[in-house]
């Protein structure tokens, strides 16, 4: 049964229905320096390639590691693209409430609330009270949300939708999608390794790290599904699955570096800013395998 929803959250829910939200990476040098001009050009290219909206400072964008001034700059530059902007909050050293307040001041359309220890429903209420921005809840494989807490979060009027990113838990993904839809919220797939199946299970939009590059490959699956093109959906899903198998693999935290390699190869970012200083070191030969999977 659907539960009451704030008008602003309902508008974001409806605006993102059917959308591909790119979980943008943050282009960085080897030492972790961020050039906002490079980032803005990258954001614009993502939108031009088929991203309907941008999620900045999410896990793919290494938001929890970035300084407040860099975070603010990235939100502001993403806003210049003209597409909806969702800002990741929480999960780091700063308070999610303060990050959400800043995101609201900068004109973000919503916030993606990182999983946290403790009372997760209380965290969403605190973020809502601080910023009044529509919230996307987040069920993440590293810290899955207990069903009771999930239900409480989905009843919050400020929650527009929920992103599930459970990686290999098919039953958990199905359960979360069903609960989200029953609550009248937007069921958003973050399942890079179960992208096609999650759409078949009822996901209504996508917010995925694999769209940090190869946007057209990702969008093709979503569009074929929406258009009832079964053969096209099968072919597009197979292509995306090959790419996901090469990028979202052990060590899993290495996926950010792999997507940056792809973004550089596609001309979305310069090679000088295709580094993830916060992830595990990857052997150089792996780059060729990643690029081959995208061919």
Protein backbone atom coordinates (compact mmCIF):
# COMPACT_ATOMS: atom_id res chain seq x y z
CA UNK A 1 0.00 0.00 0.00
CA UNK A 2 1.41 3.41 -0.97
CA UNK A 3 2.08 5.87 1.82
CA UNK A 4 1.83 9.69 1.87
CA UNK A 5 4.61 11.47 0.02
CA UNK A 6 5.73 15.09 0.06
CA UNK A 7 4.82 16.95 -3.17
CA UNK A 8 8.46 17.76 -3.88
CA UNK A 9 9.47 14.13 -3.45
CA UNK A 10 6.60 13.07 -5.69
CA UNK A 11 7.77 15.47 -8.40
CA UNK A 12 11.31 14.06 -8.31
CA UNK A 13 9.94 10.51 -8.31
CA UNK A 14 7.87 11.23 -11.41
CA UNK A 15 10.66 13.17 -13.11
CA UNK A 16 13.11 10.28 -12.73
CA UNK A 17 10.70 7.55 -13.79
CA UNK A 18 12.29 5.76 -16.73
CA UNK A 19 15.48 7.82 -16.39
CA UNK A 20 19.10 6.79 -16.60
CA UNK A 21 20.96 8.55 -13.80
CA UNK A 22 24.70 8.36 -14.31
CA UNK A 23 26.61 7.82 -11.08
CA UNK A 24 29.39 10.10 -12.23
CA UNK A 25 32.99 9.52 -11.30
CA UNK A 26 35.13 12.42 -10.10
CA UNK A 27 38.03 12.95 -12.52
CA UNK A 28 41.23 13.17 -10.48
CA UNK A 29 44.96 13.25 -10.97
CA UNK A 30 47.16 10.54 -9.50
CA UNK A 31 47.60 12.69 -6.37
CA UNK A 32 43.85 13.26 -5.99
CA UNK A 33 43.58 16.80 -7.33
CA UNK A 34 40.24 17.76 -8.87
CA UNK A 35 39.95 20.26 -11.72
CA UNK A 36 36.39 21.59 -11.77
CA UNK A 37 36.61 22.58 -15.43
CA UNK A 38 37.54 19.01 -16.33
CA UNK A 39 34.68 17.74 -14.16
CA UNK A 40 32.14 20.06 -15.77
CA UNK A 41 33.19 19.05 -19.28
CA UNK A 42 32.83 15.41 -18.23
CA UNK A 43 29.38 15.98 -16.74
CA UNK A 44 28.25 17.68 -19.94
CA UNK A 45 29.51 14.79 -22.05
CA UNK A 46 27.64 12.28 -19.88
CA UNK A 47 24.43 14.23 -20.42
CA UNK A 48 25.08 14.55 -24.15
CA UNK A 49 25.69 10.78 -24.35
CA UNK A 50 22.27 9.93 -22.94
CA UNK A 51 22.32 10.39 -19.17
CA UNK A 52 18.97 11.88 -18.14
CA UNK A 53 20.32 12.98 -14.74
CA UNK A 54 23.55 12.97 -12.76
CA UNK A 55 24.37 11.56 -9.34
CA UNK A 56 27.52 13.29 -8.11
CA UNK A 57 29.46 12.52 -4.94
CA UNK A 58 28.03 9.02 -4.87
CA UNK A 59 30.17 5.94 -4.26
CA UNK A 60 31.47 6.09 -7.84
CA UNK A 61 32.32 9.76 -7.37
CA UNK A 62 34.16 9.09 -4.09
CA UNK A 63 31.99 11.68 -2.37
CA UNK A 64 32.75 10.54 1.19
CA UNK A 65 36.47 11.22 0.65
CA UNK A 66 36.24 14.71 -0.81
CA UNK A 67 36.70 18.03 0.99
CA UNK A 68 33.65 20.28 1.44
CA UNK A 69 34.85 22.91 -1.04
CA UNK A 70 35.46 20.27 -3.71
CA UNK A 71 32.06 18.72 -3.03
CA UNK A 72 30.38 22.11 -3.39
CA UNK A 73 32.24 22.83 -6.61
CA UNK A 74 31.20 19.52 -8.15
CA UNK A 75 27.53 20.07 -7.33
CA UNK A 76 27.63 23.58 -8.77
CA UNK A 77 29.30 22.41 -11.98
CA UNK A 78 26.88 19.51 -12.39
CA UNK A 79 23.99 21.95 -12.04
CA UNK A 80 25.24 23.81 -15.10
CA UNK A 81 24.42 20.83 -17.32
CA UNK A 82 20.70 21.49 -16.97
CA UNK A 83 19.79 17.91 -16.06
CA UNK A 84 18.57 16.90 -12.58
CA UNK A 85 21.36 16.54 -10.03
CA UNK A 86 21.34 14.13 -7.10
CA UNK A 87 24.09 14.66 -4.52
CA UNK A 88 25.43 11.83 -2.38
CA UNK A 89 25.48 12.60 1.34
CA UNK A 90 26.82 10.70 4.34
CA UNK A 91 29.20 7.80 4.51
CA UNK A 92 32.23 9.95 5.31
CA UNK A 93 33.83 12.21 7.85
CA UNK A 94 31.29 15.04 7.54
CA UNK A 95 27.72 14.94 8.78
CA UNK A 96 25.14 13.92 6.21
CA UNK A 97 22.87 16.69 7.47
CA UNK A 98 25.41 19.43 6.76
CA UNK A 99 26.21 17.96 3.35
CA UNK A 100 22.50 17.88 2.51
CA UNK A 101 22.04 21.47 3.64
CA UNK A 102 24.86 22.62 1.36
CA UNK A 103 23.45 20.58 -1.53
CA UNK A 104 20.10 22.33 -1.08
CA UNK A 105 21.75 25.74 -1.06
CA UNK A 106 23.53 24.90 -4.32
CA UNK A 107 20.31 23.87 -6.03
CA UNK A 108 20.58 20.07 -6.08
CA UNK A 109 17.33 18.34 -6.96
CA UNK A 110 17.72 15.63 -4.36
CA UNK A 111 20.13 13.67 -2.20
CA UNK A 112 21.24 10.05 -2.21
CA UNK A 113 21.56 9.03 1.44
CA UNK A 114 24.44 6.64 2.04
CA UNK A 115 23.86 3.65 4.34
CA UNK A 116 24.94 4.23 7.91
CA UNK A 117 25.36 2.48 11.19
CA UNK A 118 22.69 3.06 13.80
CA UNK A 119 19.11 4.21 13.24
CA UNK A 120 18.80 4.63 9.49
CA UNK A 121 15.26 5.95 9.58
CA UNK A 122 16.35 8.62 12.06
CA UNK A 123 19.17 9.61 9.69
CA UNK A 124 16.69 10.17 6.85
CA UNK A 125 14.52 12.29 9.13
CA UNK A 126 17.54 14.36 10.17
CA UNK A 127 18.60 14.89 6.53
CA UNK A 128 15.04 15.89 5.64
CA UNK A 129 14.82 18.32 8.53
CA UNK A 130 18.16 19.90 7.63
CA UNK A 131 17.63 20.33 3.89
CA UNK A 132 14.07 19.57 2.84
CA UNK A 133 15.42 17.94 -0.33
CA UNK A 134 13.77 14.83 -1.76
CA UNK A 135 15.75 11.77 -0.74
CA UNK A 136 16.80 8.63 -2.57
CA UNK A 137 17.36 5.85 -0.05
CA UNK A 138 20.18 3.38 -0.69
CA UNK A 139 20.29 -0.37 -0.04
CA UNK A 140 23.95 -1.30 -0.56
CA UNK A 141 25.56 -4.73 -0.63
CA UNK A 142 28.27 -3.76 1.85
CA UNK A 143 25.65 -2.93 4.50
CA UNK A 144 22.17 -4.18 3.49
CA UNK A 145 19.23 -2.52 5.15
CA UNK A 146 17.15 -4.73 7.48
CA UNK A 147 13.60 -5.16 6.11
CA UNK A 148 11.97 -3.42 9.09
CA UNK A 149 14.18 -0.36 8.73
CA UNK A 150 13.64 -0.41 4.97
CA UNK A 151 9.89 -0.27 5.48
CA UNK A 152 10.18 2.61 7.90
CA UNK A 153 12.40 4.58 5.51
CA UNK A 154 10.01 4.01 2.61
CA UNK A 155 7.17 5.45 4.68
CA UNK A 156 9.03 8.75 5.11
CA UNK A 157 7.25 11.47 3.09
CA UNK A 158 10.55 12.92 1.89
CA UNK A 159 11.71 9.69 0.25
CA UNK A 160 11.16 9.80 -3.51
CA UNK A 161 12.69 6.43 -4.29
CA UNK A 162 15.15 3.76 -3.31
CA UNK A 163 18.25 2.53 -5.10
CA UNK A 164 19.07 -1.12 -4.66
CA UNK A 165 22.69 -2.18 -5.20
CA UNK A 166 22.90 -5.64 -3.67
CA UNK A 167 25.40 -6.97 -6.25
CA UNK A 168 24.65 -10.70 -6.16
CA UNK A 169 21.61 -11.00 -3.88
CA UNK A 170 18.84 -11.59 -6.39
CA UNK A 171 16.18 -12.35 -3.79
CA UNK A 172 17.10 -9.28 -1.76
CA UNK A 173 16.93 -7.13 -4.87
CA UNK A 174 13.49 -8.48 -5.77
CA UNK A 175 12.24 -7.91 -2.22
CA UNK A 176 13.51 -4.34 -2.10
CA UNK A 177 12.02 -3.46 -5.49
CA UNK A 178 8.67 -4.89 -4.43
CA UNK A 179 8.65 -3.01 -1.11
CA UNK A 180 9.59 0.24 -2.85
CA UNK A 181 6.82 -0.02 -5.41
CA UNK A 182 4.28 -1.00 -2.77
CA UNK A 183 5.14 2.19 -0.88
CA UNK A 184 4.51 4.28 -3.99
CA UNK A 185 8.17 5.22 -4.32
CA UNK A 186 10.43 4.92 -7.36
CA UNK A 187 12.26 1.60 -7.56
CA UNK A 188 15.73 2.46 -8.88
CA UNK A 189 18.20 -0.19 -9.96
CA UNK A 190 21.82 0.24 -9.03
CA UNK A 191 22.49 -3.35 -10.01
CA UNK A 192 25.31 -3.14 -12.53
CA UNK A 193 25.69 -6.95 -12.48
CA UNK A 194 21.90 -7.61 -12.54
CA UNK A 195 20.82 -4.68 -14.68
CA UNK A 196 18.52 -6.43 -17.15
CA UNK A 197 17.01 -8.80 -14.56
CA UNK A 198 16.33 -5.93 -12.14
CA UNK A 199 14.25 -4.22 -14.84
CA UNK A 200 12.30 -7.44 -15.32
CA UNK A 201 11.78 -7.55 -11.54
CA UNK A 202 10.14 -4.11 -11.60
CA UNK A 203 12.85 -1.44 -11.39
CA UNK A 204 11.52 1.80 -12.87
CA UNK A 205 14.74 3.80 -13.31
CA UNK A 206 18.50 3.30 -13.07
CA UNK A 207 21.27 4.96 -11.07
CA UNK A 208 24.41 3.04 -11.91
CA UNK A 209 28.17 3.40 -11.79
CA UNK A 210 28.54 1.64 -15.12
CA UNK A 211 27.09 4.81 -16.67
CA UNK A 212 30.14 6.76 -15.44
CA UNK A 213 31.31 5.79 -18.94
CA UNK A 214 29.67 3.77 -21.73
CA UNK A 215 26.44 5.70 -21.22
CA UNK A 216 25.04 4.70 -24.59
CA UNK A 217 25.60 1.00 -23.84
CA UNK A 218 23.69 1.34 -20.59
CA UNK A 219 20.91 3.49 -22.02
CA UNK A 220 20.34 1.00 -24.84
CA UNK A 221 19.18 -1.63 -22.35
CA UNK A 222 16.77 0.73 -20.64
CA UNK A 223 15.31 2.03 -23.92
CA UNK A 224 14.90 -1.43 -25.44
CA UNK A 225 13.07 -2.55 -22.30
CA UNK A 226 10.76 0.45 -22.35
CA UNK A 227 10.02 -0.10 -26.03
CA UNK A 228 9.07 -3.77 -25.64
CA UNK A 229 11.90 -4.72 -28.02
CA UNK A 230 12.65 -8.19 -26.70
CA UNK A 231 15.41 -9.06 -29.17
CA UNK A 232 16.97 -5.61 -28.80
CA UNK A 233 16.77 -5.93 -25.01
CA UNK A 234 18.49 -9.33 -25.16
CA UNK A 235 21.33 -8.05 -27.32
CA UNK A 236 21.82 -4.83 -25.38
CA UNK A 237 21.75 -6.69 -22.05
CA UNK A 238 24.35 -9.20 -23.26
CA UNK A 239 26.68 -6.39 -24.30
CA UNK A 240 26.24 -4.57 -20.99
CA UNK A 241 26.75 -7.79 -19.04
CA UNK A 242 30.10 -8.37 -20.75
CA UNK A 243 31.19 -4.88 -19.79
CA UNK A 244 29.93 -5.24 -16.23
CA UNK A 245 31.75 -8.57 -15.82
CA UNK A 246 35.03 -6.85 -16.70
CA UNK A 247 34.49 -3.76 -14.54
CA UNK A 248 32.46 -4.89 -11.52
CA UNK A 249 34.66 -7.73 -10.38
CA UNK A 250 37.14 -8.45 -7.62
CA UNK A 251 38.52 -6.36 -6.13
CA UNK A 252 35.11 -4.71 -6.29
CA UNK A 253 36.37 -1.31 -5.15
CA UNK A 254 38.50 -1.31 -8.27
CA UNK A 255 35.43 -0.66 -10.41
CA UNK A 256 35.90 3.10 -10.02
CA UNK A 257 39.38 2.95 -11.58
CA UNK A 258 38.10 0.68 -14.33
CA UNK A 259 35.32 3.11 -15.20
CA UNK A 260 37.82 5.98 -15.25
CA UNK A 261 39.95 4.00 -17.72
CA UNK A 262 36.88 3.63 -19.92
CA UNK A 263 35.93 7.30 -19.55
CA UNK A 264 39.40 8.30 -20.72
CA UNK A 265 39.31 5.87 -23.64
CA UNK A 266 35.96 7.30 -24.70
CA UNK A 267 37.27 10.86 -24.58
CA UNK A 268 35.04 11.85 -21.66
CA UNK A 269 38.03 12.86 -19.52
CA UNK A 270 41.74 13.39 -20.16
CA UNK A 271 44.11 10.59 -19.23
CA UNK A 272 45.77 12.92 -16.73
CA UNK A 273 42.55 12.82 -14.65
CA UNK A 274 41.72 9.12 -14.93
CA UNK A 275 42.94 8.05 -11.50
CA UNK A 276 41.22 6.76 -8.36
CA UNK A 277 43.59 7.35 -5.44
CA UNK A 278 41.03 5.92 -2.98
CA UNK A 279 40.69 2.47 -4.51
CA UNK A 280 42.96 -0.57 -4.65
CA UNK A 281 45.89 -0.59 -7.01
CA UNK A 282 45.15 -2.53 -10.19
CA UNK A 283 47.71 -4.17 -12.47
CA UNK A 284 48.24 -2.22 -15.67
CA UNK A 285 47.47 -5.21 -17.96
CA UNK A 286 43.90 -5.19 -16.60
CA UNK A 287 43.25 -1.95 -18.48
CA UNK A 288 43.47 -3.73 -21.83
CA UNK A 289 40.93 -6.34 -20.72
CA UNK A 290 38.51 -3.64 -19.60
CA UNK A 291 38.82 -1.71 -22.85
CA UNK A 292 38.40 -4.89 -24.88
CA UNK A 293 35.13 -5.66 -23.08
CA UNK A 294 33.80 -2.25 -24.12
CA UNK A 295 34.70 -2.72 -27.79
